[in-house]
Amino acid sequence: MLANLCTPAVCTPAALRVAACAAALAGVFAAPSAQAQPKLHVEESVALSAPVGKVWQTLGSFDGLAGWHPVVAKVDITAGSNNKKGAVRSITTKDGAKLVEELLDYSASGHSMRYRVVEWPLPVSDYVSTLKVLPDGKGSRVVWSGDFVRAASAPADVDDKKAREIISGIYTSGFDGLRKALGEAAR
């Protein structure tokens, strides 16, 4: 196909490079495209009797996950400064799994943080999550949401539904731990 783009009279090395680039841009050399994984979304929330400030004091530190999430054993800030955009946290779970997450946005006054997963053993990728605390009557509501795709390397038994269930389970178990840390009974 490249021969059709470049005749012998003008087929210099520079012309070949230009023709190759043009052909690639036109899709001549494009590999058959893989089916793109659909973007998935999970959102869970919990109503709490504690006011926004008290809830944010409990969960609002990027390095404080071990203080309220029941599966987290340890969190270390490995790059940047805690609660500052670009901070990187290394999480070790109680069963020894390792996760690395980067803080994308943080608002103490807005009671919210957004972060992305850099590395983890779960069968999802391109994961970005938001955790926020909102006023709700005399108490508060914590909303935890995430957008991601099922990893191409996910086991065959992990379909989109199962991937959503895995992330949802992380959120709801976190809410159970948060209730406990706040001294609130499960509703």
Protein backbone atom coordinates (compact mmCIF):
# COMPACT_ATOMS: atom_id res chain seq x y z
CA MET A 1 0.00 0.00 0.00
CA LEU A 2 2.91 2.34 0.75
CA ALA A 3 4.18 1.83 -2.82
CA ASN A 4 0.96 3.37 -4.13
CA LEU A 5 1.68 6.49 -2.09
CA CYS A 6 5.27 7.00 -3.25
CA THR A 7 6.42 6.69 -6.88
CA PRO A 8 10.12 5.97 -7.70
CA ALA A 9 10.65 9.53 -8.91
CA VAL A 10 9.77 11.03 -5.51
CA CYS A 11 10.52 8.08 -3.24
CA THR A 12 13.29 9.64 -1.13
CA PRO A 13 13.82 8.60 2.52
CA ALA A 14 12.14 11.84 3.65
CA ALA A 15 9.20 11.21 1.33
CA LEU A 16 8.90 7.67 2.68
CA ARG A 17 8.75 8.99 6.26
CA VAL A 18 6.08 11.53 5.31
CA ALA A 19 4.14 8.88 3.40
CA ALA A 20 4.43 6.43 6.32
CA CYS A 21 3.13 9.05 8.74
CA ALA A 22 0.28 9.98 6.44
CA ALA A 23 -0.60 6.32 5.95
CA ALA A 24 -0.54 5.67 9.68
CA LEU A 25 -2.75 8.68 10.32
CA ALA A 26 -5.15 7.45 7.66
CA GLY A 27 -5.32 4.08 9.34
CA VAL A 28 -3.35 2.15 6.72
CA PHE A 29 -1.11 0.64 9.40
CA ALA A 30 -3.72 0.56 12.17
CA ALA A 31 -4.11 -2.76 13.92
CA PRO A 32 -7.62 -4.04 14.23
CA SER A 33 -9.05 -2.06 17.12
CA ALA A 34 -9.78 -3.88 20.30
CA GLN A 35 -13.25 -3.50 21.70
CA ALA A 36 -13.03 -0.63 24.17
CA GLN A 37 -14.24 -1.45 27.66
CA PRO A 38 -17.24 0.65 28.70
CA LYS A 39 -16.73 3.21 31.45
CA LEU A 40 -18.40 1.98 34.63
CA HIS A 41 -19.71 4.07 37.53
CA VAL A 42 -20.45 3.19 41.13
CA GLU A 43 -21.87 5.52 43.73
CA GLU A 44 -22.74 4.67 47.32
CA SER A 45 -23.79 6.95 50.14
CA VAL A 46 -24.53 6.75 53.84
CA ALA A 47 -26.55 9.04 56.10
CA LEU A 48 -24.94 9.76 59.45
CA SER A 49 -26.18 11.61 62.53
CA ALA A 50 -22.76 13.23 63.04
CA PRO A 51 -22.35 16.75 61.61
CA VAL A 52 -20.27 17.38 58.49
CA GLY A 53 -17.29 18.76 60.43
CA LYS A 54 -16.99 15.72 62.68
CA VAL A 55 -17.30 13.31 59.76
CA TRP A 56 -14.70 15.25 57.73
CA GLN A 57 -12.38 15.27 60.74
CA THR A 58 -12.60 11.45 60.72
CA LEU A 59 -12.22 10.74 57.00
CA GLY A 60 -10.90 13.97 55.50
CA SER A 61 -7.19 13.26 55.66
CA PHE A 62 -5.71 11.57 52.59
CA ASP A 63 -3.37 9.60 54.86
CA GLY A 64 -6.11 8.73 57.39
CA LEU A 65 -7.82 5.79 55.67
CA ALA A 66 -6.50 3.27 58.23
CA GLY A 67 -8.36 5.17 60.95
CA TRP A 68 -11.77 4.28 59.59
CA HIS A 69 -11.68 1.73 56.73
CA PRO A 70 -11.76 -1.76 58.26
CA VAL A 71 -9.56 -3.49 55.66
CA VAL A 72 -6.75 -0.91 55.72
CA ALA A 73 -3.79 -1.60 58.00
CA LYS A 74 -1.40 1.21 57.06
CA VAL A 75 -1.15 4.34 54.90
CA ASP A 76 2.07 6.20 54.09
CA ILE A 77 2.48 9.36 52.03
CA THR A 78 5.31 8.45 49.65
CA ALA A 79 5.39 11.60 47.51
CA GLY A 80 4.20 15.15 47.94
CA SER A 81 2.44 16.50 51.02
CA ASN A 82 -0.65 15.09 52.68
CA ASN A 83 -3.90 16.71 51.49
CA LYS A 84 -2.10 18.52 48.66
CA LYS A 85 -2.74 17.83 44.99
CA GLY A 86 -0.18 15.32 43.73
CA ALA A 87 0.31 13.57 47.08
CA VAL A 88 0.79 9.82 46.65
CA ARG A 89 -0.28 7.34 49.30
CA SER A 90 0.80 3.74 49.66
CA ILE A 91 -1.88 1.60 51.28
CA THR A 92 -1.32 -1.79 52.86
CA THR A 93 -4.43 -3.83 53.61
CA LYS A 94 -4.78 -6.17 56.56
CA ASP A 95 -4.34 -9.14 54.20
CA GLY A 96 -1.09 -7.67 52.81
CA ALA A 97 -2.31 -6.24 49.48
CA LYS A 98 -0.60 -3.05 48.29
CA LEU A 99 -2.29 -0.09 46.62
CA VAL A 100 -0.91 3.23 45.39
CA GLU A 101 -3.18 6.24 44.92
CA GLU A 102 -2.59 9.84 43.85
CA LEU A 103 -4.58 12.82 45.14
CA LEU A 104 -6.04 14.81 42.23
CA ASP A 105 -8.10 17.43 44.11
CA TYR A 106 -8.63 18.27 47.76
CA SER A 107 -11.01 20.78 49.34
CA ALA A 108 -11.12 21.02 53.12
CA SER A 109 -13.81 23.71 52.95
CA GLY A 110 -15.80 21.69 50.39
CA HIS A 111 -15.28 18.48 52.39
CA SER A 112 -14.20 16.52 49.33
CA MET A 113 -11.25 14.76 47.76
CA ARG A 114 -10.71 13.14 44.38
CA TYR A 115 -8.00 10.59 43.73
CA ARG A 116 -6.89 8.03 41.18
CA VAL A 117 -5.44 4.57 41.54
CA VAL A 118 -1.89 4.22 40.26
CA GLU A 119 -1.47 0.56 41.18
CA TRP A 120 -3.60 -2.12 42.82
CA PRO A 121 -4.47 -5.79 42.52
CA LEU A 122 -8.16 -5.33 41.65
CA PRO A 123 -9.56 -6.21 38.21
CA VAL A 124 -10.40 -2.62 37.24
CA SER A 125 -8.32 0.14 35.68
CA ASP A 126 -8.53 3.88 34.95
CA TYR A 127 -10.11 4.26 38.39
CA VAL A 128 -10.88 7.78 39.63
CA SER A 129 -12.86 8.28 42.83
CA THR A 130 -14.49 11.13 44.74
CA LEU A 131 -15.25 11.09 48.45
CA LYS A 132 -17.34 13.95 49.83
CA VAL A 133 -19.32 14.85 52.92
CA LEU A 134 -22.55 16.83 52.53
CA PRO A 135 -24.99 18.32 55.04
CA ASP A 136 -28.11 16.17 55.47
CA GLY A 137 -30.67 17.53 57.90
CA LYS A 138 -29.05 17.69 61.35
CA GLY A 139 -26.40 15.19 60.27
CA SER A 140 -24.44 14.46 57.13
CA ARG A 141 -24.27 12.25 54.08
CA VAL A 142 -21.06 10.74 52.77
CA VAL A 143 -21.02 10.08 49.03
CA TRP A 144 -18.27 7.88 47.58
CA SER A 145 -18.21 7.43 43.82
CA GLY A 146 -15.86 5.99 41.26
CA ASP A 147 -15.47 5.74 37.51
CA PHE A 148 -13.39 2.95 36.00
CA VAL A 149 -13.23 0.23 33.37
CA ARG A 150 -13.01 -3.50 33.90
CA ALA A 151 -9.37 -4.38 33.32
CA ALA A 152 -8.55 -6.27 30.13
CA SER A 153 -6.60 -8.66 32.35
CA ALA A 154 -9.59 -9.33 34.63
CA PRO A 155 -10.37 -13.01 35.24
CA ALA A 156 -13.08 -14.46 33.01
CA ASP A 157 -15.54 -14.59 35.92
CA VAL A 158 -15.28 -10.81 36.48
CA ASP A 159 -17.77 -9.13 34.17
CA ASP A 160 -18.91 -5.49 34.43
CA LYS A 161 -21.52 -6.36 37.07
CA LYS A 162 -18.93 -8.14 39.22
CA ALA A 163 -16.46 -5.26 38.83
CA ARG A 164 -19.15 -2.84 40.08
CA GLU A 165 -19.90 -5.18 43.01
CA ILE A 166 -16.23 -5.25 44.01
CA ILE A 167 -15.99 -1.44 44.11
CA SER A 168 -19.37 -1.12 45.83
CA GLY A 169 -18.18 -3.56 48.50
CA ILE A 170 -15.11 -1.41 49.18
CA TYR A 171 -17.35 1.61 49.70
CA THR A 172 -19.96 -0.08 51.88
CA SER A 173 -17.38 -1.79 54.10
CA GLY A 174 -15.74 1.63 54.44
CA PHE A 175 -19.06 3.09 55.57
CA ASP A 176 -19.39 0.32 58.17
CA GLY A 177 -15.96 1.25 59.51
CA LEU A 178 -16.80 4.95 59.41
CA ARG A 179 -19.97 4.36 61.48
CA LYS A 180 -17.87 2.43 64.00
CA ALA A 181 -15.20 5.15 64.13
CA LEU A 182 -17.93 7.74 64.77
CA GLY A 183 -19.66 5.58 67.37
CA GLU A 184 -22.83 5.26 65.31
CA ALA A 185 -24.94 2.14 65.03
CA ALA A 186 -25.64 0.63 61.62
CA ARG A 187 -28.97 1.73 60.18
